[in-house]
Amino acid sequence: MTGSETAVLREMRWWDIDPVLELERDLFPEDAWSRGMFWSELAHARGPGATRRYVVAEEDGRIVGYAGLTTSGAEADGGEAGDGDGDSVLAADVQTIAVTRDHWGTGLGSRLLTELLRAATAFECAEVLLECRVDNVRAQKLYERFGFETIGVRRGYYQPGNVDALVMRLTDPSTSVNPASPVDGNGVQGTEDNG
């Protein structure tokens, strides 16, 4: 059995960057992230001012998936964003979700997305946004199952291929997290700030 049942989700750490980059380059050869981009994201994923959540899926010592989310509008102390008037909407952006080809269709992508939505809920985000390639129908169907709706198109967003991106939004991520899969039952390790 592979994928959803046997892969363990845990916090992404700096030592995961090389295997994640290998998978990134395999799955997204035209617009793969750089080492520096991952380092930058992970630099904001720990401690009291954390604004990011990155996880990897590991099976038999191999990284078989990863996902990341960033927040905007939240202050480091968890207070209201902006000038303190309480009118700001805290938002999260799904930065990346990737699963090895041999784990496609196993439910691992759903587990990774569920973990990101849990993180958005913990960050007290009222909505989650993401960009999805217009030619990635598999990913679009995953997002739609979780309640994401297309709200726009970004022309030529993915470079150098000049591929358009659908902008998708989910309001109230806490309602999309599957209650049949509680946090403890998800196998997520290292979810503490210093874990």
N, C-alpha and C. Protein backbone atom coordinates (compact mmCIF):
# COMPACT_ATOMS: atom_id res chain seq x y z
N MET A 1 0.85 -1.18 0.00
CA MET A 1 0.00 0.00 0.00
C MET A 1 0.90 1.24 0.00
N THR A 2 0.57 2.24 -0.81
CA THR A 2 1.36 3.47 -0.87
C THR A 2 0.46 4.66 -0.68
N GLY A 3 1.10 5.80 -0.48
CA GLY A 3 0.39 7.07 -0.50
C GLY A 3 -0.20 7.48 0.81
N SER A 4 -1.49 7.63 0.81
CA SER A 4 -2.16 8.25 1.93
C SER A 4 -1.97 7.49 3.23
N GLU A 5 -2.01 6.17 3.21
CA GLU A 5 -1.98 5.42 4.45
C GLU A 5 -0.58 5.26 5.02
N THR A 6 0.44 5.14 4.19
CA THR A 6 1.77 4.81 4.71
C THR A 6 2.72 6.00 4.79
N ALA A 7 2.47 7.06 4.08
CA ALA A 7 3.33 8.23 4.15
C ALA A 7 3.06 9.00 5.44
N VAL A 8 4.12 9.45 6.07
CA VAL A 8 4.03 10.22 7.30
C VAL A 8 4.25 11.69 6.95
N LEU A 9 3.33 12.56 7.39
CA LEU A 9 3.51 13.99 7.20
C LEU A 9 4.27 14.55 8.39
N ARG A 10 5.22 15.42 8.09
CA ARG A 10 5.97 16.09 9.14
C ARG A 10 6.41 17.46 8.64
N GLU A 11 6.81 18.29 9.57
CA GLU A 11 7.30 19.63 9.23
C GLU A 11 8.51 19.52 8.30
N MET A 12 8.54 20.35 7.26
CA MET A 12 9.70 20.42 6.38
C MET A 12 10.82 21.16 7.11
N ARG A 13 12.02 20.63 7.02
CA ARG A 13 13.19 21.26 7.63
C ARG A 13 14.25 21.48 6.56
N TRP A 14 15.32 22.20 6.90
CA TRP A 14 16.34 22.57 5.92
C TRP A 14 16.96 21.35 5.26
N TRP A 15 17.09 20.24 5.99
CA TRP A 15 17.73 19.06 5.41
C TRP A 15 16.85 18.36 4.38
N ASP A 16 15.60 18.80 4.28
CA ASP A 16 14.69 18.26 3.27
C ASP A 16 14.80 18.99 1.94
N ILE A 17 15.50 20.11 1.91
CA ILE A 17 15.50 20.94 0.69
C ILE A 17 16.05 20.18 -0.51
N ASP A 18 17.15 19.47 -0.38
CA ASP A 18 17.72 18.77 -1.54
C ASP A 18 16.76 17.74 -2.13
N PRO A 19 16.19 16.82 -1.32
CA PRO A 19 15.24 15.87 -1.94
C PRO A 19 13.98 16.54 -2.46
N VAL A 20 13.55 17.62 -1.83
CA VAL A 20 12.38 18.35 -2.33
C VAL A 20 12.71 19.01 -3.66
N LEU A 21 13.92 19.58 -3.78
CA LEU A 21 14.34 20.19 -5.05
C LEU A 21 14.38 19.16 -6.18
N GLU A 22 14.83 17.96 -5.87
CA GLU A 22 14.87 16.90 -6.87
C GLU A 22 13.46 16.60 -7.38
N LEU A 23 12.53 16.49 -6.46
CA LEU A 23 11.14 16.24 -6.85
C LEU A 23 10.55 17.45 -7.58
N GLU A 24 10.86 18.63 -7.10
CA GLU A 24 10.39 19.87 -7.73
C GLU A 24 10.82 19.94 -9.19
N ARG A 25 12.10 19.65 -9.45
CA ARG A 25 12.62 19.71 -10.81
C ARG A 25 12.02 18.64 -11.71
N ASP A 26 11.69 17.48 -11.12
CA ASP A 26 11.07 16.42 -11.89
C ASP A 26 9.64 16.79 -12.29
N LEU A 27 8.89 17.33 -11.34
CA LEU A 27 7.47 17.61 -11.58
C LEU A 27 7.22 18.95 -12.28
N PHE A 28 8.07 19.92 -12.04
CA PHE A 28 7.88 21.27 -12.59
C PHE A 28 9.14 21.75 -13.30
N PRO A 29 9.57 21.07 -14.35
CA PRO A 29 10.87 21.39 -14.95
C PRO A 29 10.99 22.82 -15.48
N GLU A 30 9.90 23.39 -15.96
CA GLU A 30 9.97 24.73 -16.54
C GLU A 30 9.95 25.84 -15.49
N ASP A 31 9.27 25.61 -14.38
CA ASP A 31 9.13 26.69 -13.39
C ASP A 31 9.43 26.21 -11.97
N ALA A 32 10.43 25.34 -11.86
CA ALA A 32 10.82 24.81 -10.55
C ALA A 32 11.35 25.93 -9.65
N TRP A 33 11.04 25.80 -8.36
CA TRP A 33 11.58 26.73 -7.38
C TRP A 33 13.08 26.49 -7.23
N SER A 34 13.76 27.52 -6.76
CA SER A 34 15.20 27.43 -6.50
C SER A 34 15.44 27.05 -5.03
N ARG A 35 16.65 26.66 -4.74
CA ARG A 35 17.05 26.37 -3.37
C ARG A 35 16.80 27.60 -2.48
N GLY A 36 17.16 28.76 -2.98
CA GLY A 36 16.98 30.00 -2.22
C GLY A 36 15.53 30.28 -1.87
N MET A 37 14.63 29.95 -2.78
CA MET A 37 13.20 30.17 -2.52
C MET A 37 12.74 29.30 -1.35
N PHE A 38 13.16 28.03 -1.35
CA PHE A 38 12.78 27.15 -0.24
C PHE A 38 13.41 27.62 1.08
N TRP A 39 14.67 28.00 1.04
CA TRP A 39 15.33 28.51 2.25
C TRP A 39 14.57 29.72 2.79
N SER A 40 14.20 30.62 1.91
CA SER A 40 13.48 31.82 2.34
C SER A 40 12.15 31.47 2.99
N GLU A 41 11.42 30.55 2.39
CA GLU A 41 10.13 30.15 2.96
C GLU A 41 10.31 29.50 4.34
N LEU A 42 11.28 28.60 4.45
CA LEU A 42 11.49 27.91 5.73
C LEU A 42 11.98 28.86 6.82
N ALA A 43 12.64 29.94 6.43
CA ALA A 43 13.10 30.92 7.41
C ALA A 43 11.94 31.60 8.13
N HIS A 44 10.76 31.57 7.52
CA HIS A 44 9.58 32.20 8.11
C HIS A 44 8.57 31.18 8.65
N ALA A 45 9.01 29.93 8.81
CA ALA A 45 8.10 28.86 9.19
C ALA A 45 8.23 28.43 10.65
N ARG A 46 9.09 29.08 11.41
CA ARG A 46 9.30 28.65 12.80
C ARG A 46 9.31 29.85 13.73
N GLY A 47 9.03 29.58 14.98
CA GLY A 47 9.09 30.61 16.00
C GLY A 47 7.79 31.36 16.18
N PRO A 48 7.78 32.30 17.11
CA PRO A 48 6.54 33.00 17.44
C PRO A 48 6.00 33.88 16.32
N GLY A 49 6.84 34.32 15.40
CA GLY A 49 6.38 35.16 14.30
C GLY A 49 6.17 34.39 13.01
N ALA A 50 6.06 33.08 13.08
CA ALA A 50 5.94 32.25 11.88
C ALA A 50 4.72 32.66 11.05
N THR A 51 4.93 32.74 9.74
CA THR A 51 3.85 33.07 8.81
C THR A 51 3.74 32.02 7.70
N ARG A 52 4.47 30.93 7.84
CA ARG A 52 4.48 29.88 6.84
C ARG A 52 4.27 28.52 7.50
N ARG A 53 3.78 27.57 6.70
CA ARG A 53 3.69 26.17 7.14
C ARG A 53 4.10 25.32 5.95
N TYR A 54 5.17 24.55 6.10
CA TYR A 54 5.65 23.64 5.06
C TYR A 54 5.75 22.25 5.64
N VAL A 55 5.24 21.28 4.92
CA VAL A 55 5.28 19.89 5.35
C VAL A 55 5.81 19.02 4.22
N VAL A 56 6.38 17.88 4.60
CA VAL A 56 6.76 16.86 3.64
C VAL A 56 6.03 15.59 3.98
N ALA A 57 5.83 14.76 2.98
CA ALA A 57 5.30 13.41 3.16
C ALA A 57 6.47 12.46 2.93
N GLU A 58 6.72 11.63 3.91
CA GLU A 58 7.87 10.73 3.84
C GLU A 58 7.39 9.28 3.94
N GLU A 59 7.94 8.45 3.08
CA GLU A 59 7.60 7.03 3.08
C GLU A 59 8.89 6.23 2.88
N ASP A 60 9.17 5.34 3.79
CA ASP A 60 10.38 4.51 3.72
C ASP A 60 11.63 5.35 3.50
N GLY A 61 11.72 6.48 4.21
CA GLY A 61 12.90 7.33 4.13
C GLY A 61 12.99 8.19 2.89
N ARG A 62 11.95 8.21 2.07
CA ARG A 62 11.94 8.98 0.81
C ARG A 62 10.86 10.04 0.86
N ILE A 63 11.19 11.25 0.42
CA ILE A 63 10.19 12.32 0.31
C ILE A 63 9.31 12.01 -0.90
N VAL A 64 8.00 11.84 -0.66
CA VAL A 64 7.07 11.50 -1.74
C VAL A 64 6.05 12.61 -1.98
N GLY A 65 6.18 13.71 -1.24
CA GLY A 65 5.30 14.84 -1.43
C GLY A 65 5.69 15.97 -0.51
N TYR A 66 5.22 17.15 -0.83
CA TYR A 66 5.46 18.31 0.02
C TYR A 66 4.41 19.36 -0.29
N ALA A 67 4.25 20.28 0.65
CA ALA A 67 3.25 21.34 0.47
C ALA A 67 3.63 22.52 1.35
N GLY A 68 3.21 23.72 0.93
CA GLY A 68 3.51 24.91 1.71
C GLY A 68 2.44 25.96 1.57
N LEU A 69 2.33 26.75 2.64
CA LEU A 69 1.33 27.80 2.74
C LEU A 69 1.96 29.01 3.41
N THR A 70 1.57 30.19 2.98
CA THR A 70 2.01 31.43 3.60
C THR A 70 0.78 32.24 3.99
N THR A 71 0.94 33.08 4.99
CA THR A 71 -0.16 33.94 5.42
C THR A 71 0.19 35.39 5.17
N SER A 72 -0.83 36.20 5.06
CA SER A 72 -0.63 37.64 4.94
C SER A 72 -1.68 38.33 5.79
N GLY A 73 -1.30 39.44 6.34
CA GLY A 73 -2.22 40.22 7.15
C GLY A 73 -2.12 39.93 8.63
N ALA A 74 -1.47 38.85 9.03
CA ALA A 74 -1.37 38.52 10.45
C ALA A 74 -0.11 39.15 11.04
N GLU A 75 -0.24 39.68 12.23
CA GLU A 75 0.93 40.20 12.94
C GLU A 75 1.60 39.05 13.67
N ALA A 76 2.87 39.24 13.99
CA ALA A 76 3.65 38.18 14.60
C ALA A 76 3.06 37.70 15.92
N ASP A 77 2.41 38.59 16.67
CA ASP A 77 1.86 38.18 17.96
C ASP A 77 0.47 37.58 17.83
N GLY A 78 0.00 37.41 16.61
CA GLY A 78 -1.32 36.81 16.39
C GLY A 78 -2.44 37.82 16.49
N GLY A 79 -2.11 39.10 16.67
CA GLY A 79 -3.13 40.13 16.79
C GLY A 79 -3.73 40.47 15.45
N GLU A 80 -4.60 41.46 15.45
CA GLU A 80 -5.26 41.88 14.22
C GLU A 80 -4.25 42.52 13.28
N ALA A 81 -4.49 42.39 12.01
CA ALA A 81 -3.62 42.96 11.00
C ALA A 81 -3.89 44.45 10.83
N GLY A 82 -2.93 45.08 10.23
CA GLY A 82 -3.10 46.48 9.85
C GLY A 82 -3.02 47.43 11.02
N ASP A 83 -3.93 48.41 11.06
CA ASP A 83 -3.87 49.47 12.06
C ASP A 83 -4.64 49.15 13.33
N GLY A 84 -5.08 47.91 13.48
CA GLY A 84 -5.76 47.53 14.71
C GLY A 84 -7.25 47.81 14.70
N ASP A 85 -7.81 48.18 13.55
CA ASP A 85 -9.25 48.48 13.52
C ASP A 85 -10.12 47.24 13.42
N GLY A 86 -9.48 46.05 13.24
CA GLY A 86 -10.23 44.80 13.23
C GLY A 86 -10.95 44.52 11.92
N ASP A 87 -10.77 45.37 10.89
CA ASP A 87 -11.47 45.17 9.62
C ASP A 87 -10.67 44.34 8.62
N SER A 88 -9.42 44.03 8.92
CA SER A 88 -8.58 43.30 7.99
C SER A 88 -8.97 41.84 7.92
N VAL A 89 -8.84 41.28 6.72
CA VAL A 89 -9.11 39.86 6.53
C VAL A 89 -7.77 39.15 6.45
N LEU A 90 -7.55 38.19 7.34
CA LEU A 90 -6.34 37.40 7.28
C LEU A 90 -6.50 36.37 6.17
N ALA A 91 -5.51 36.27 5.31
CA ALA A 91 -5.59 35.36 4.18
C ALA A 91 -4.36 34.46 4.15
N ALA A 92 -4.53 33.29 3.59
CA ALA A 92 -3.42 32.36 3.38
C ALA A 92 -3.33 32.08 1.89
N ASP A 93 -2.13 31.77 1.43
CA ASP A 93 -1.90 31.41 0.04
C ASP A 93 -1.21 30.06 -0.01
N VAL A 94 -1.79 29.12 -0.72
CA VAL A 94 -1.13 27.85 -0.96
C VAL A 94 -0.01 28.13 -1.96
N GLN A 95 1.22 27.90 -1.54
CA GLN A 95 2.37 28.18 -2.39
C GLN A 95 2.71 27.01 -3.30
N THR A 96 2.56 25.79 -2.77
CA THR A 96 2.95 24.62 -3.54
C THR A 96 2.34 23.37 -2.93
N ILE A 97 1.99 22.43 -3.77
CA ILE A 97 1.63 21.06 -3.38
C ILE A 97 2.18 20.16 -4.48
N ALA A 98 2.93 19.15 -4.08
CA ALA A 98 3.49 18.23 -5.07
C ALA A 98 3.53 16.82 -4.49
N VAL A 99 3.26 15.85 -5.36
CA VAL A 99 3.27 14.43 -4.98
C VAL A 99 3.97 13.67 -6.10
N THR A 100 4.83 12.73 -5.74
CA THR A 100 5.51 11.92 -6.75
C THR A 100 4.47 11.21 -7.63
N ARG A 101 4.85 10.99 -8.87
CA ARG A 101 3.92 10.37 -9.82
C ARG A 101 3.41 9.01 -9.34
N ASP A 102 4.27 8.24 -8.65
CA ASP A 102 3.83 6.93 -8.19
C ASP A 102 2.85 7.01 -7.02
N HIS A 103 2.59 8.23 -6.52
CA HIS A 103 1.61 8.42 -5.45
C HIS A 103 0.38 9.20 -5.92
N TRP A 104 0.32 9.51 -7.21
CA TRP A 104 -0.87 10.16 -7.74
C TRP A 104 -2.07 9.23 -7.56
N GLY A 105 -3.18 9.79 -7.17
CA GLY A 105 -4.40 9.02 -7.02
C GLY A 105 -4.51 8.23 -5.72
N THR A 106 -3.57 8.43 -4.81
CA THR A 106 -3.59 7.68 -3.55
C THR A 106 -4.26 8.43 -2.40
N GLY A 107 -4.57 9.71 -2.62
CA GLY A 107 -5.14 10.52 -1.54
C GLY A 107 -4.09 11.35 -0.81
N LEU A 108 -2.83 11.22 -1.19
CA LEU A 108 -1.78 11.96 -0.51
C LEU A 108 -1.91 13.47 -0.74
N GLY A 109 -2.29 13.88 -1.93
CA GLY A 109 -2.51 15.30 -2.19
C GLY A 109 -3.60 15.86 -1.30
N SER A 110 -4.66 15.10 -1.08
CA SER A 110 -5.73 15.52 -0.18
C SER A 110 -5.23 15.67 1.25
N ARG A 111 -4.39 14.75 1.68
CA ARG A 111 -3.82 14.85 3.04
C ARG A 111 -2.95 16.10 3.19
N LEU A 112 -2.14 16.37 2.17
CA LEU A 112 -1.29 17.56 2.23
C LEU A 112 -2.14 18.83 2.24
N LEU A 113 -3.16 18.89 1.39
CA LEU A 113 -4.03 20.06 1.37
C LEU A 113 -4.78 20.21 2.69
N THR A 114 -5.23 19.10 3.26
CA THR A 114 -5.90 19.15 4.56
C THR A 114 -4.99 19.75 5.61
N GLU A 115 -3.73 19.36 5.60
CA GLU A 115 -2.77 19.91 6.58
C GLU A 115 -2.59 21.41 6.38
N LEU A 116 -2.55 21.87 5.12
CA LEU A 116 -2.42 23.31 4.87
C LEU A 116 -3.66 24.05 5.35
N LEU A 117 -4.83 23.47 5.15
CA LEU A 117 -6.06 24.13 5.62
C LEU A 117 -6.12 24.16 7.14
N ARG A 118 -5.60 23.14 7.78
CA ARG A 118 -5.51 23.17 9.26
C ARG A 118 -4.59 24.30 9.70
N ALA A 119 -3.48 24.46 8.99
CA ALA A 119 -2.56 25.54 9.32
C ALA A 119 -3.21 26.90 9.11
N ALA A 120 -3.94 27.06 8.01
CA ALA A 120 -4.65 28.32 7.75
C ALA A 120 -5.65 28.61 8.86
N THR A 121 -6.33 27.58 9.34
CA THR A 121 -7.28 27.74 10.44
C THR A 121 -6.54 28.14 11.72
N ALA A 122 -5.40 27.49 11.98
CA ALA A 122 -4.61 27.83 13.17
C ALA A 122 -4.09 29.27 13.10
N PHE A 123 -3.76 29.73 11.89
CA PHE A 123 -3.33 31.12 11.70
C PHE A 123 -4.52 32.08 11.73
N GLU A 124 -5.73 31.56 11.88
CA GLU A 124 -6.97 32.33 11.92
C GLU A 124 -7.24 33.08 10.62
N CYS A 125 -6.94 32.43 9.50
CA CYS A 125 -7.19 33.02 8.18
C CYS A 125 -8.64 32.80 7.78
N ALA A 126 -9.24 33.83 7.25
CA ALA A 126 -10.65 33.77 6.83
C ALA A 126 -10.80 33.19 5.43
N GLU A 127 -9.73 33.20 4.65
CA GLU A 127 -9.79 32.66 3.30
C GLU A 127 -8.43 32.14 2.89
N VAL A 128 -8.46 31.25 1.90
CA VAL A 128 -7.23 30.68 1.34
C VAL A 128 -7.29 30.87 -0.17
N LEU A 129 -6.21 31.36 -0.73
CA LEU A 129 -6.09 31.58 -2.17
C LEU A 129 -5.01 30.68 -2.74
N LEU A 130 -5.07 30.46 -4.04
CA LEU A 130 -4.00 29.72 -4.71
C LEU A 130 -4.08 29.99 -6.19
N GLU A 131 -2.96 29.71 -6.88
CA GLU A 131 -2.93 29.74 -8.33
C GLU A 131 -2.74 28.31 -8.80
N CYS A 132 -3.40 27.96 -9.88
CA CYS A 132 -3.32 26.61 -10.45
C CYS A 132 -3.22 26.74 -11.96
N ARG A 133 -2.27 26.02 -12.54
CA ARG A 133 -2.13 26.05 -13.99
C ARG A 133 -3.45 25.66 -14.65
N VAL A 134 -3.81 26.37 -15.71
CA VAL A 134 -5.06 26.06 -16.41
C VAL A 134 -5.03 24.67 -17.02
N ASP A 135 -3.84 24.14 -17.28
CA ASP A 135 -3.74 22.81 -17.88
C ASP A 135 -3.59 21.69 -16.83
N ASN A 136 -3.68 22.01 -15.56
CA ASN A 136 -3.56 21.01 -14.50
C ASN A 136 -4.96 20.67 -13.96
N VAL A 137 -5.68 19.90 -14.73
CA VAL A 137 -7.06 19.56 -14.40
C VAL A 137 -7.13 18.71 -13.13
N ARG A 138 -6.16 17.81 -12.94
CA ARG A 138 -6.15 16.97 -11.73
C ARG A 138 -6.14 17.84 -10.48
N ALA A 139 -5.26 18.83 -10.44
CA ALA A 139 -5.17 19.71 -9.28
C ALA A 139 -6.45 20.52 -9.12
N GLN A 140 -7.00 21.01 -10.22
CA GLN A 140 -8.24 21.79 -10.14
C GLN A 140 -9.36 20.98 -9.50
N LYS A 141 -9.46 19.71 -9.88
CA LYS A 141 -10.50 18.86 -9.31
C LYS A 141 -10.29 18.65 -7.81
N LEU A 142 -9.04 18.49 -7.40
CA LEU A 142 -8.73 18.37 -5.97
C LEU A 142 -9.21 19.61 -5.22
N TYR A 143 -8.84 20.77 -5.71
CA TYR A 143 -9.21 22.02 -5.04
C TYR A 143 -10.72 22.20 -5.01
N GLU A 144 -11.38 21.88 -6.09
CA GLU A 144 -12.84 22.01 -6.14
C GLU A 144 -13.52 21.09 -5.13
N ARG A 145 -12.98 19.88 -4.93
CA ARG A 145 -13.54 18.97 -3.92
C ARG A 145 -13.47 19.57 -2.52
N PHE A 146 -12.49 20.41 -2.29
CA PHE A 146 -12.34 21.06 -0.98
C PHE A 146 -13.13 22.36 -0.89
N GLY A 147 -13.80 22.76 -1.97
CA GLY A 147 -14.64 23.95 -1.94
C GLY A 147 -14.02 25.19 -2.55
N PHE A 148 -12.85 25.08 -3.17
CA PHE A 148 -12.24 26.24 -3.83
C PHE A 148 -13.05 26.59 -5.07
N GLU A 149 -13.19 27.88 -5.33
CA GLU A 149 -13.88 28.38 -6.51
C GLU A 149 -12.95 29.28 -7.31
N THR A 150 -13.06 29.20 -8.63
CA THR A 150 -12.25 30.06 -9.49
C THR A 150 -12.78 31.48 -9.43
N ILE A 151 -11.89 32.43 -9.17
CA ILE A 151 -12.30 33.84 -9.08
C ILE A 151 -11.60 34.72 -10.11
N GLY A 152 -10.69 34.14 -10.88
CA GLY A 152 -10.00 34.95 -11.88
C GLY A 152 -8.94 34.15 -12.61
N VAL A 153 -8.27 34.83 -13.55
CA VAL A 153 -7.20 34.22 -14.34
C VAL A 153 -6.02 35.19 -14.35
N ARG A 154 -4.83 34.66 -14.16
CA ARG A 154 -3.60 35.45 -14.29
C ARG A 154 -2.92 34.99 -15.57
N ARG A 155 -2.96 35.87 -16.58
CA ARG A 155 -2.41 35.56 -17.90
C ARG A 155 -0.88 35.44 -17.83
N GLY A 156 -0.34 34.37 -18.40
CA GLY A 156 1.10 34.19 -18.48
C GLY A 156 1.80 34.07 -17.14
N TYR A 157 1.08 33.62 -16.13
CA TYR A 157 1.61 33.57 -14.76
C TYR A 157 2.81 32.63 -14.64
N TYR A 158 2.72 31.47 -15.26
CA TYR A 158 3.80 30.49 -15.16
C TYR A 158 4.79 30.70 -16.31
N GLN A 159 6.01 31.06 -15.95
CA GLN A 159 7.06 31.33 -16.92
C GLN A 159 8.18 30.33 -16.73
N PRO A 160 8.90 29.99 -17.76
CA PRO A 160 8.94 30.62 -19.07
C PRO A 160 7.91 30.09 -20.05
N GLY A 161 7.05 29.17 -19.65
CA GLY A 161 6.09 28.58 -20.57
C GLY A 161 4.92 29.45 -20.94
N ASN A 162 4.78 30.62 -20.26
CA ASN A 162 3.69 31.55 -20.53
C ASN A 162 2.31 30.90 -20.39
N VAL A 163 2.15 30.10 -19.33
CA VAL A 163 0.89 29.39 -19.07
C VAL A 163 0.05 30.20 -18.09
N ASP A 164 -1.22 30.31 -18.39
CA ASP A 164 -2.14 31.04 -17.52
C ASP A 164 -2.40 30.28 -16.22
N ALA A 165 -2.77 31.02 -15.19
CA ALA A 165 -3.12 30.43 -13.91
C ALA A 165 -4.54 30.80 -13.53
N LEU A 166 -5.29 29.82 -13.04
CA LEU A 166 -6.58 30.11 -12.41
C LEU A 166 -6.30 30.58 -11.00
N VAL A 167 -6.98 31.64 -10.59
CA VAL A 167 -6.91 32.07 -9.20
C VAL A 167 -8.13 31.47 -8.52
N MET A 168 -7.87 30.71 -7.46
CA MET A 168 -8.97 30.03 -6.77
C MET A 168 -8.99 30.46 -5.31
N ARG A 169 -10.21 30.49 -4.75
CA ARG A 169 -10.38 30.95 -3.37
C ARG A 169 -11.30 30.00 -2.61
N LEU A 170 -10.94 29.81 -1.34
CA LEU A 170 -11.78 29.07 -0.40
C LEU A 170 -12.05 29.99 0.78
N THR A 171 -13.32 30.24 1.05
CA THR A 171 -13.65 31.03 2.22
C THR A 171 -13.89 30.09 3.39
N ASP A 172 -13.43 30.49 4.55
CA ASP A 172 -13.53 29.73 5.80
C ASP A 172 -12.93 28.34 5.68
N PRO A 173 -11.60 28.26 5.69
CA PRO A 173 -10.93 26.96 5.54
C PRO A 173 -11.27 25.96 6.64
N SER A 174 -11.72 26.44 7.79
CA SER A 174 -12.03 25.52 8.89
C SER A 174 -13.19 24.59 8.55
N THR A 175 -14.06 25.00 7.63
CA THR A 175 -15.20 24.15 7.26
C THR A 175 -14.82 23.09 6.23
N SER A 176 -13.64 23.23 5.61
CA SER A 176 -13.23 22.27 4.58
C SER A 176 -12.32 21.19 5.11
N VAL A 177 -11.86 21.31 6.35
CA VAL A 177 -11.00 20.29 6.93
C VAL A 177 -11.88 19.11 7.31
N ASN A 178 -11.50 17.94 6.85
CA ASN A 178 -12.30 16.73 7.05
C ASN A 178 -12.35 16.35 8.52
N PRO A 179 -13.51 16.46 9.17
CA PRO A 179 -13.60 16.12 10.59
C PRO A 179 -13.39 14.64 10.87
N ALA A 180 -13.48 13.80 9.86
CA ALA A 180 -13.24 12.38 10.05
C ALA A 180 -11.75 12.07 10.18
N SER A 181 -10.90 13.06 9.90
CA SER A 181 -9.45 12.88 10.02
C SER A 181 -8.91 13.89 11.02
N PRO A 182 -9.04 13.65 12.32
CA PRO A 182 -8.55 14.59 13.30
C PRO A 182 -7.04 14.77 13.21
N VAL A 183 -6.55 15.88 13.75
CA VAL A 183 -5.13 16.21 13.65
C VAL A 183 -4.27 15.05 14.14
N ASP A 184 -4.60 14.45 15.28
CA ASP A 184 -3.79 13.37 15.81
C ASP A 184 -3.81 12.15 14.90
N GLY A 185 -4.89 11.93 14.17
CA GLY A 185 -4.99 10.78 13.29
C GLY A 185 -4.37 10.98 11.94
N ASN A 186 -3.84 12.18 11.68
CA ASN A 186 -3.29 12.49 10.38
C ASN A 186 -1.82 12.10 10.25
N GLY A 187 -1.17 11.77 11.36
CA GLY A 187 0.23 11.38 11.31
C GLY A 187 1.17 12.54 11.10
N VAL A 188 0.75 13.76 11.41
CA VAL A 188 1.61 14.92 11.24
C VAL A 188 2.54 15.02 12.44
N GLN A 189 3.83 15.11 12.16
CA GLN A 189 4.81 15.25 13.21
C GLN A 189 5.47 16.61 13.11
N GLY A 190 5.98 17.11 14.24
CA GLY A 190 6.72 18.37 14.22
C GLY A 190 5.87 19.58 13.97
N THR A 191 4.65 19.59 14.51
CA THR A 191 3.78 20.71 14.26
C THR A 191 3.97 21.82 15.28
N GLU A 192 4.74 21.61 16.30
CA GLU A 192 5.02 22.66 17.27
C GLU A 192 5.99 23.65 16.67
N ASP A 193 6.00 24.89 17.16
CA ASP A 193 6.92 25.89 16.62
C ASP A 193 8.37 25.44 16.72
N ASN A 194 8.72 24.72 17.76
CA ASN A 194 10.09 24.29 17.93
C ASN A 194 10.23 22.78 17.79
N GLY A 195 9.23 22.12 17.13
CA GLY A 195 9.18 20.67 17.04
C GLY A 195 10.12 20.07 16.17
